[in-house]
């Protein structure tokens, strides 16, 4: 019984460290700076590329906590996850997850890592 308690204690001590390690290596299809946001037309332009908001979009702050998409602002550095809908060559890019990044993040290095 003592061994089981020790294993459980180790698990709970190690879990935050594993979670933090995963947060340091986010996986995005694209990263850039928000150029403009059009909430009425469900559009965002990141690094000169237009994306449509997915109906089930998730916006995460720098701590990876969900926030309202109204927290997004022009000039914010973000990483995004996307999917395409439509015919090849005429596909619409939808963004389903936006991760707000710290202002000092090196976007080029982040994209090189992917």
C-alpha atoms as a PDB file:
ATOM      1  CA  UNK A   1       0.000   0.000   0.000  1.00  0.00           C
ATOM      2  CA  UNK A   2       2.871   2.347   0.802  1.00  0.00           C
ATOM      3  CA  UNK A   3       4.357   1.748  -2.667  1.00  0.00           C
ATOM      4  CA  UNK A   4       1.057   2.650  -4.321  1.00  0.00           C
ATOM      5  CA  UNK A   5       0.877   5.892  -2.344  1.00  0.00           C
ATOM      6  CA  UNK A   6       4.462   6.702  -3.340  1.00  0.00           C
ATOM      7  CA  UNK A   7       3.688   6.084  -7.017  1.00  0.00           C
ATOM      8  CA  UNK A   8       0.606   8.271  -6.854  1.00  0.00           C
ATOM      9  CA  UNK A   9       2.615  11.048  -5.165  1.00  0.00           C
ATOM     10  CA  UNK A  10       5.331  10.838  -7.844  1.00  0.00           C
ATOM     11  CA  UNK A  11       2.682  10.961 -10.572  1.00  0.00           C
ATOM     12  CA  UNK A  12       1.134  14.138  -9.180  1.00  0.00           C
ATOM     13  CA  UNK A  13       4.547  15.755  -8.758  1.00  0.00           C
ATOM     14  CA  UNK A  14       5.657  14.848 -12.300  1.00  0.00           C
ATOM     15  CA  UNK A  15       2.378  15.733 -14.056  1.00  0.00           C
ATOM     16  CA  UNK A  16       2.849  19.531 -14.006  1.00  0.00           C
ATOM     17  CA  UNK A  17       6.401  19.157 -15.313  1.00  0.00           C
ATOM     18  CA  UNK A  18       5.212  16.987 -18.202  1.00  0.00           C
ATOM     19  CA  UNK A  19       2.418  19.441 -18.972  1.00  0.00           C
ATOM     20  CA  UNK A  20       4.818  22.390 -18.977  1.00  0.00           C
ATOM     21  CA  UNK A  21       7.213  20.557 -21.296  1.00  0.00           C
ATOM     22  CA  UNK A  22       4.376  19.956 -23.754  1.00  0.00           C
ATOM     23  CA  UNK A  23       3.417  23.657 -23.623  1.00  0.00           C
ATOM     24  CA  UNK A  24       6.943  24.678 -24.630  1.00  0.00           C
ATOM     25  CA  UNK A  25       6.689  22.780 -27.933  1.00  0.00           C
ATOM     26  CA  UNK A  26       3.380  23.817 -29.506  1.00  0.00           C
ATOM     27  CA  UNK A  27       2.518  22.409 -32.920  1.00  0.00           C
ATOM     28  CA  UNK A  28       0.944  24.904 -35.332  1.00  0.00           C
ATOM     29  CA  UNK A  29       0.319  24.830 -39.061  1.00  0.00           C
ATOM     30  CA  UNK A  30       1.128  28.525 -39.186  1.00  0.00           C
ATOM     31  CA  UNK A  31       2.396  31.291 -36.904  1.00  0.00           C
ATOM     32  CA  UNK A  32       2.355  35.024 -37.501  1.00  0.00           C
ATOM     33  CA  UNK A  33       1.098  38.407 -36.405  1.00  0.00           C
ATOM     34  CA  UNK A  34      -2.605  39.304 -36.557  1.00  0.00           C
ATOM     35  CA  UNK A  35      -2.977  41.898 -39.325  1.00  0.00           C
ATOM     36  CA  UNK A  36      -6.739  42.390 -38.986  1.00  0.00           C
ATOM     37  CA  UNK A  37      -9.856  40.801 -37.536  1.00  0.00           C
ATOM     38  CA  UNK A  38     -13.363  41.058 -38.962  1.00  0.00           C
ATOM     39  CA  UNK A  39     -15.704  39.567 -36.361  1.00  0.00           C
ATOM     40  CA  UNK A  40     -18.811  40.396 -38.437  1.00  0.00           C
ATOM     41  CA  UNK A  41     -17.581  38.327 -41.389  1.00  0.00           C
ATOM     42  CA  UNK A  42     -15.825  35.696 -39.227  1.00  0.00           C
ATOM     43  CA  UNK A  43     -12.411  36.418 -40.796  1.00  0.00           C
ATOM     44  CA  UNK A  44      -8.879  36.933 -39.498  1.00  0.00           C
ATOM     45  CA  UNK A  45      -5.768  37.847 -41.444  1.00  0.00           C
ATOM     46  CA  UNK A  46      -2.503  36.513 -40.012  1.00  0.00           C
ATOM     47  CA  UNK A  47       0.782  37.253 -41.760  1.00  0.00           C
ATOM     48  CA  UNK A  48      -1.076  38.498 -44.871  1.00  0.00           C
ATOM     49  CA  UNK A  49      -3.015  35.209 -45.116  1.00  0.00           C
ATOM     50  CA  UNK A  50      -6.839  35.236 -44.744  1.00  0.00           C
ATOM     51  CA  UNK A  51      -8.553  32.592 -42.637  1.00  0.00           C
ATOM     52  CA  UNK A  52     -12.212  32.050 -41.821  1.00  0.00           C
ATOM     53  CA  UNK A  53     -13.187  31.241 -38.236  1.00  0.00           C
ATOM     54  CA  UNK A  54     -14.354  27.669 -37.720  1.00  0.00           C
ATOM     55  CA  UNK A  55     -17.761  27.437 -36.012  1.00  0.00           C
ATOM     56  CA  UNK A  56     -16.031  25.638 -33.113  1.00  0.00           C
ATOM     57  CA  UNK A  57     -12.996  27.928 -32.805  1.00  0.00           C
ATOM     58  CA  UNK A  58     -10.933  27.857 -29.626  1.00  0.00           C
ATOM     59  CA  UNK A  59      -8.789  30.829 -28.638  1.00  0.00           C
ATOM     60  CA  UNK A  60      -6.113  30.221 -26.020  1.00  0.00           C
ATOM     61  CA  UNK A  61      -4.168  32.850 -24.091  1.00  0.00           C
ATOM     62  CA  UNK A  62      -0.394  32.625 -23.553  1.00  0.00           C
ATOM     63  CA  UNK A  63      -0.986  30.229 -20.645  1.00  0.00           C
ATOM     64  CA  UNK A  64      -3.078  27.950 -22.930  1.00  0.00           C
ATOM     65  CA  UNK A  65      -6.323  28.860 -21.153  1.00  0.00           C
ATOM     66  CA  UNK A  66      -9.482  29.332 -23.262  1.00  0.00           C
ATOM     67  CA  UNK A  67     -10.541  32.955 -23.712  1.00  0.00           C
ATOM     68  CA  UNK A  68     -13.186  34.810 -25.711  1.00  0.00           C
ATOM     69  CA  UNK A  69     -12.049  35.458 -29.287  1.00  0.00           C
ATOM     70  CA  UNK A  70     -12.720  39.152 -28.670  1.00  0.00           C
ATOM     71  CA  UNK A  71      -9.420  39.115 -26.728  1.00  0.00           C
ATOM     72  CA  UNK A  72      -7.586  38.856 -30.067  1.00  0.00           C
ATOM     73  CA  UNK A  73      -6.103  42.145 -31.212  1.00  0.00           C
ATOM     74  CA  UNK A  74      -4.245  43.456 -34.222  1.00  0.00           C
ATOM     75  CA  UNK A  75      -0.503  43.048 -33.681  1.00  0.00           C
ATOM     76  CA  UNK A  76      -0.829  39.952 -31.465  1.00  0.00           C
ATOM     77  CA  UNK A  77       1.519  37.103 -32.313  1.00  0.00           C
ATOM     78  CA  UNK A  78      -0.385  33.839 -32.726  1.00  0.00           C
ATOM     79  CA  UNK A  79       0.015  30.222 -33.699  1.00  0.00           C
ATOM     80  CA  UNK A  80      -2.914  28.669 -35.530  1.00  0.00           C
ATOM     81  CA  UNK A  81      -4.265  25.261 -36.430  1.00  0.00           C
ATOM     82  CA  UNK A  82      -6.300  25.053 -39.609  1.00  0.00           C
ATOM     83  CA  UNK A  83      -8.232  22.824 -41.965  1.00  0.00           C
ATOM     84  CA  UNK A  84      -9.346  23.305 -45.577  1.00  0.00           C
ATOM     85  CA  UNK A  85     -12.803  22.962 -47.109  1.00  0.00           C
ATOM     86  CA  UNK A  86     -13.642  23.057 -50.778  1.00  0.00           C
ATOM     87  CA  UNK A  87     -12.149  22.085 -54.087  1.00  0.00           C
ATOM     88  CA  UNK A  88      -8.385  21.915 -54.606  1.00  0.00           C
ATOM     89  CA  UNK A  89      -7.160  25.377 -55.627  1.00  0.00           C
ATOM     90  CA  UNK A  90     -10.404  26.972 -54.436  1.00  0.00           C
ATOM     91  CA  UNK A  91     -10.317  25.731 -50.840  1.00  0.00           C
ATOM     92  CA  UNK A  92     -11.199  27.973 -47.909  1.00  0.00           C
ATOM     93  CA  UNK A  93      -8.830  27.865 -44.948  1.00  0.00           C
ATOM     94  CA  UNK A  94     -10.605  27.636 -41.588  1.00  0.00           C
ATOM     95  CA  UNK A  95      -8.849  28.252 -38.303  1.00  0.00           C
ATOM     96  CA  UNK A  96     -10.084  26.062 -35.450  1.00  0.00           C
ATOM     97  CA  UNK A  97      -7.496  26.939 -32.797  1.00  0.00           C
ATOM     98  CA  UNK A  98      -5.609  30.157 -32.142  1.00  0.00           C
ATOM     99  CA  UNK A  99      -2.888  30.240 -29.508  1.00  0.00           C
ATOM    100  CA  UNK A 100      -1.907  33.752 -28.442  1.00  0.00           C
ATOM    101  CA  UNK A 101       1.882  33.934 -28.124  1.00  0.00           C
ATOM    102  CA  UNK A 102       4.139  36.119 -26.021  1.00  0.00           C
ATOM    103  CA  UNK A 103       5.258  39.310 -27.747  1.00  0.00           C
ATOM    104  CA  UNK A 104       8.930  38.270 -27.573  1.00  0.00           C
ATOM    105  CA  UNK A 105       8.483  34.913 -29.348  1.00  0.00           C
ATOM    106  CA  UNK A 106      10.613  34.441 -32.475  1.00  0.00           C
ATOM    107  CA  UNK A 107       8.048  33.472 -35.131  1.00  0.00           C
ATOM    108  CA  UNK A 108      10.704  32.420 -37.650  1.00  0.00           C
ATOM    109  CA  UNK A 109      12.250  29.999 -35.177  1.00  0.00           C
ATOM    110  CA  UNK A 110       8.822  28.675 -34.240  1.00  0.00           C
ATOM    111  CA  UNK A 111       8.017  27.984 -37.889  1.00  0.00           C
ATOM    112  CA  UNK A 112      11.460  26.421 -38.499  1.00  0.00           C
ATOM    113  CA  UNK A 113      10.783  23.916 -35.703  1.00  0.00           C
ATOM    114  CA  UNK A 114       7.666  22.563 -37.445  1.00  0.00           C
END
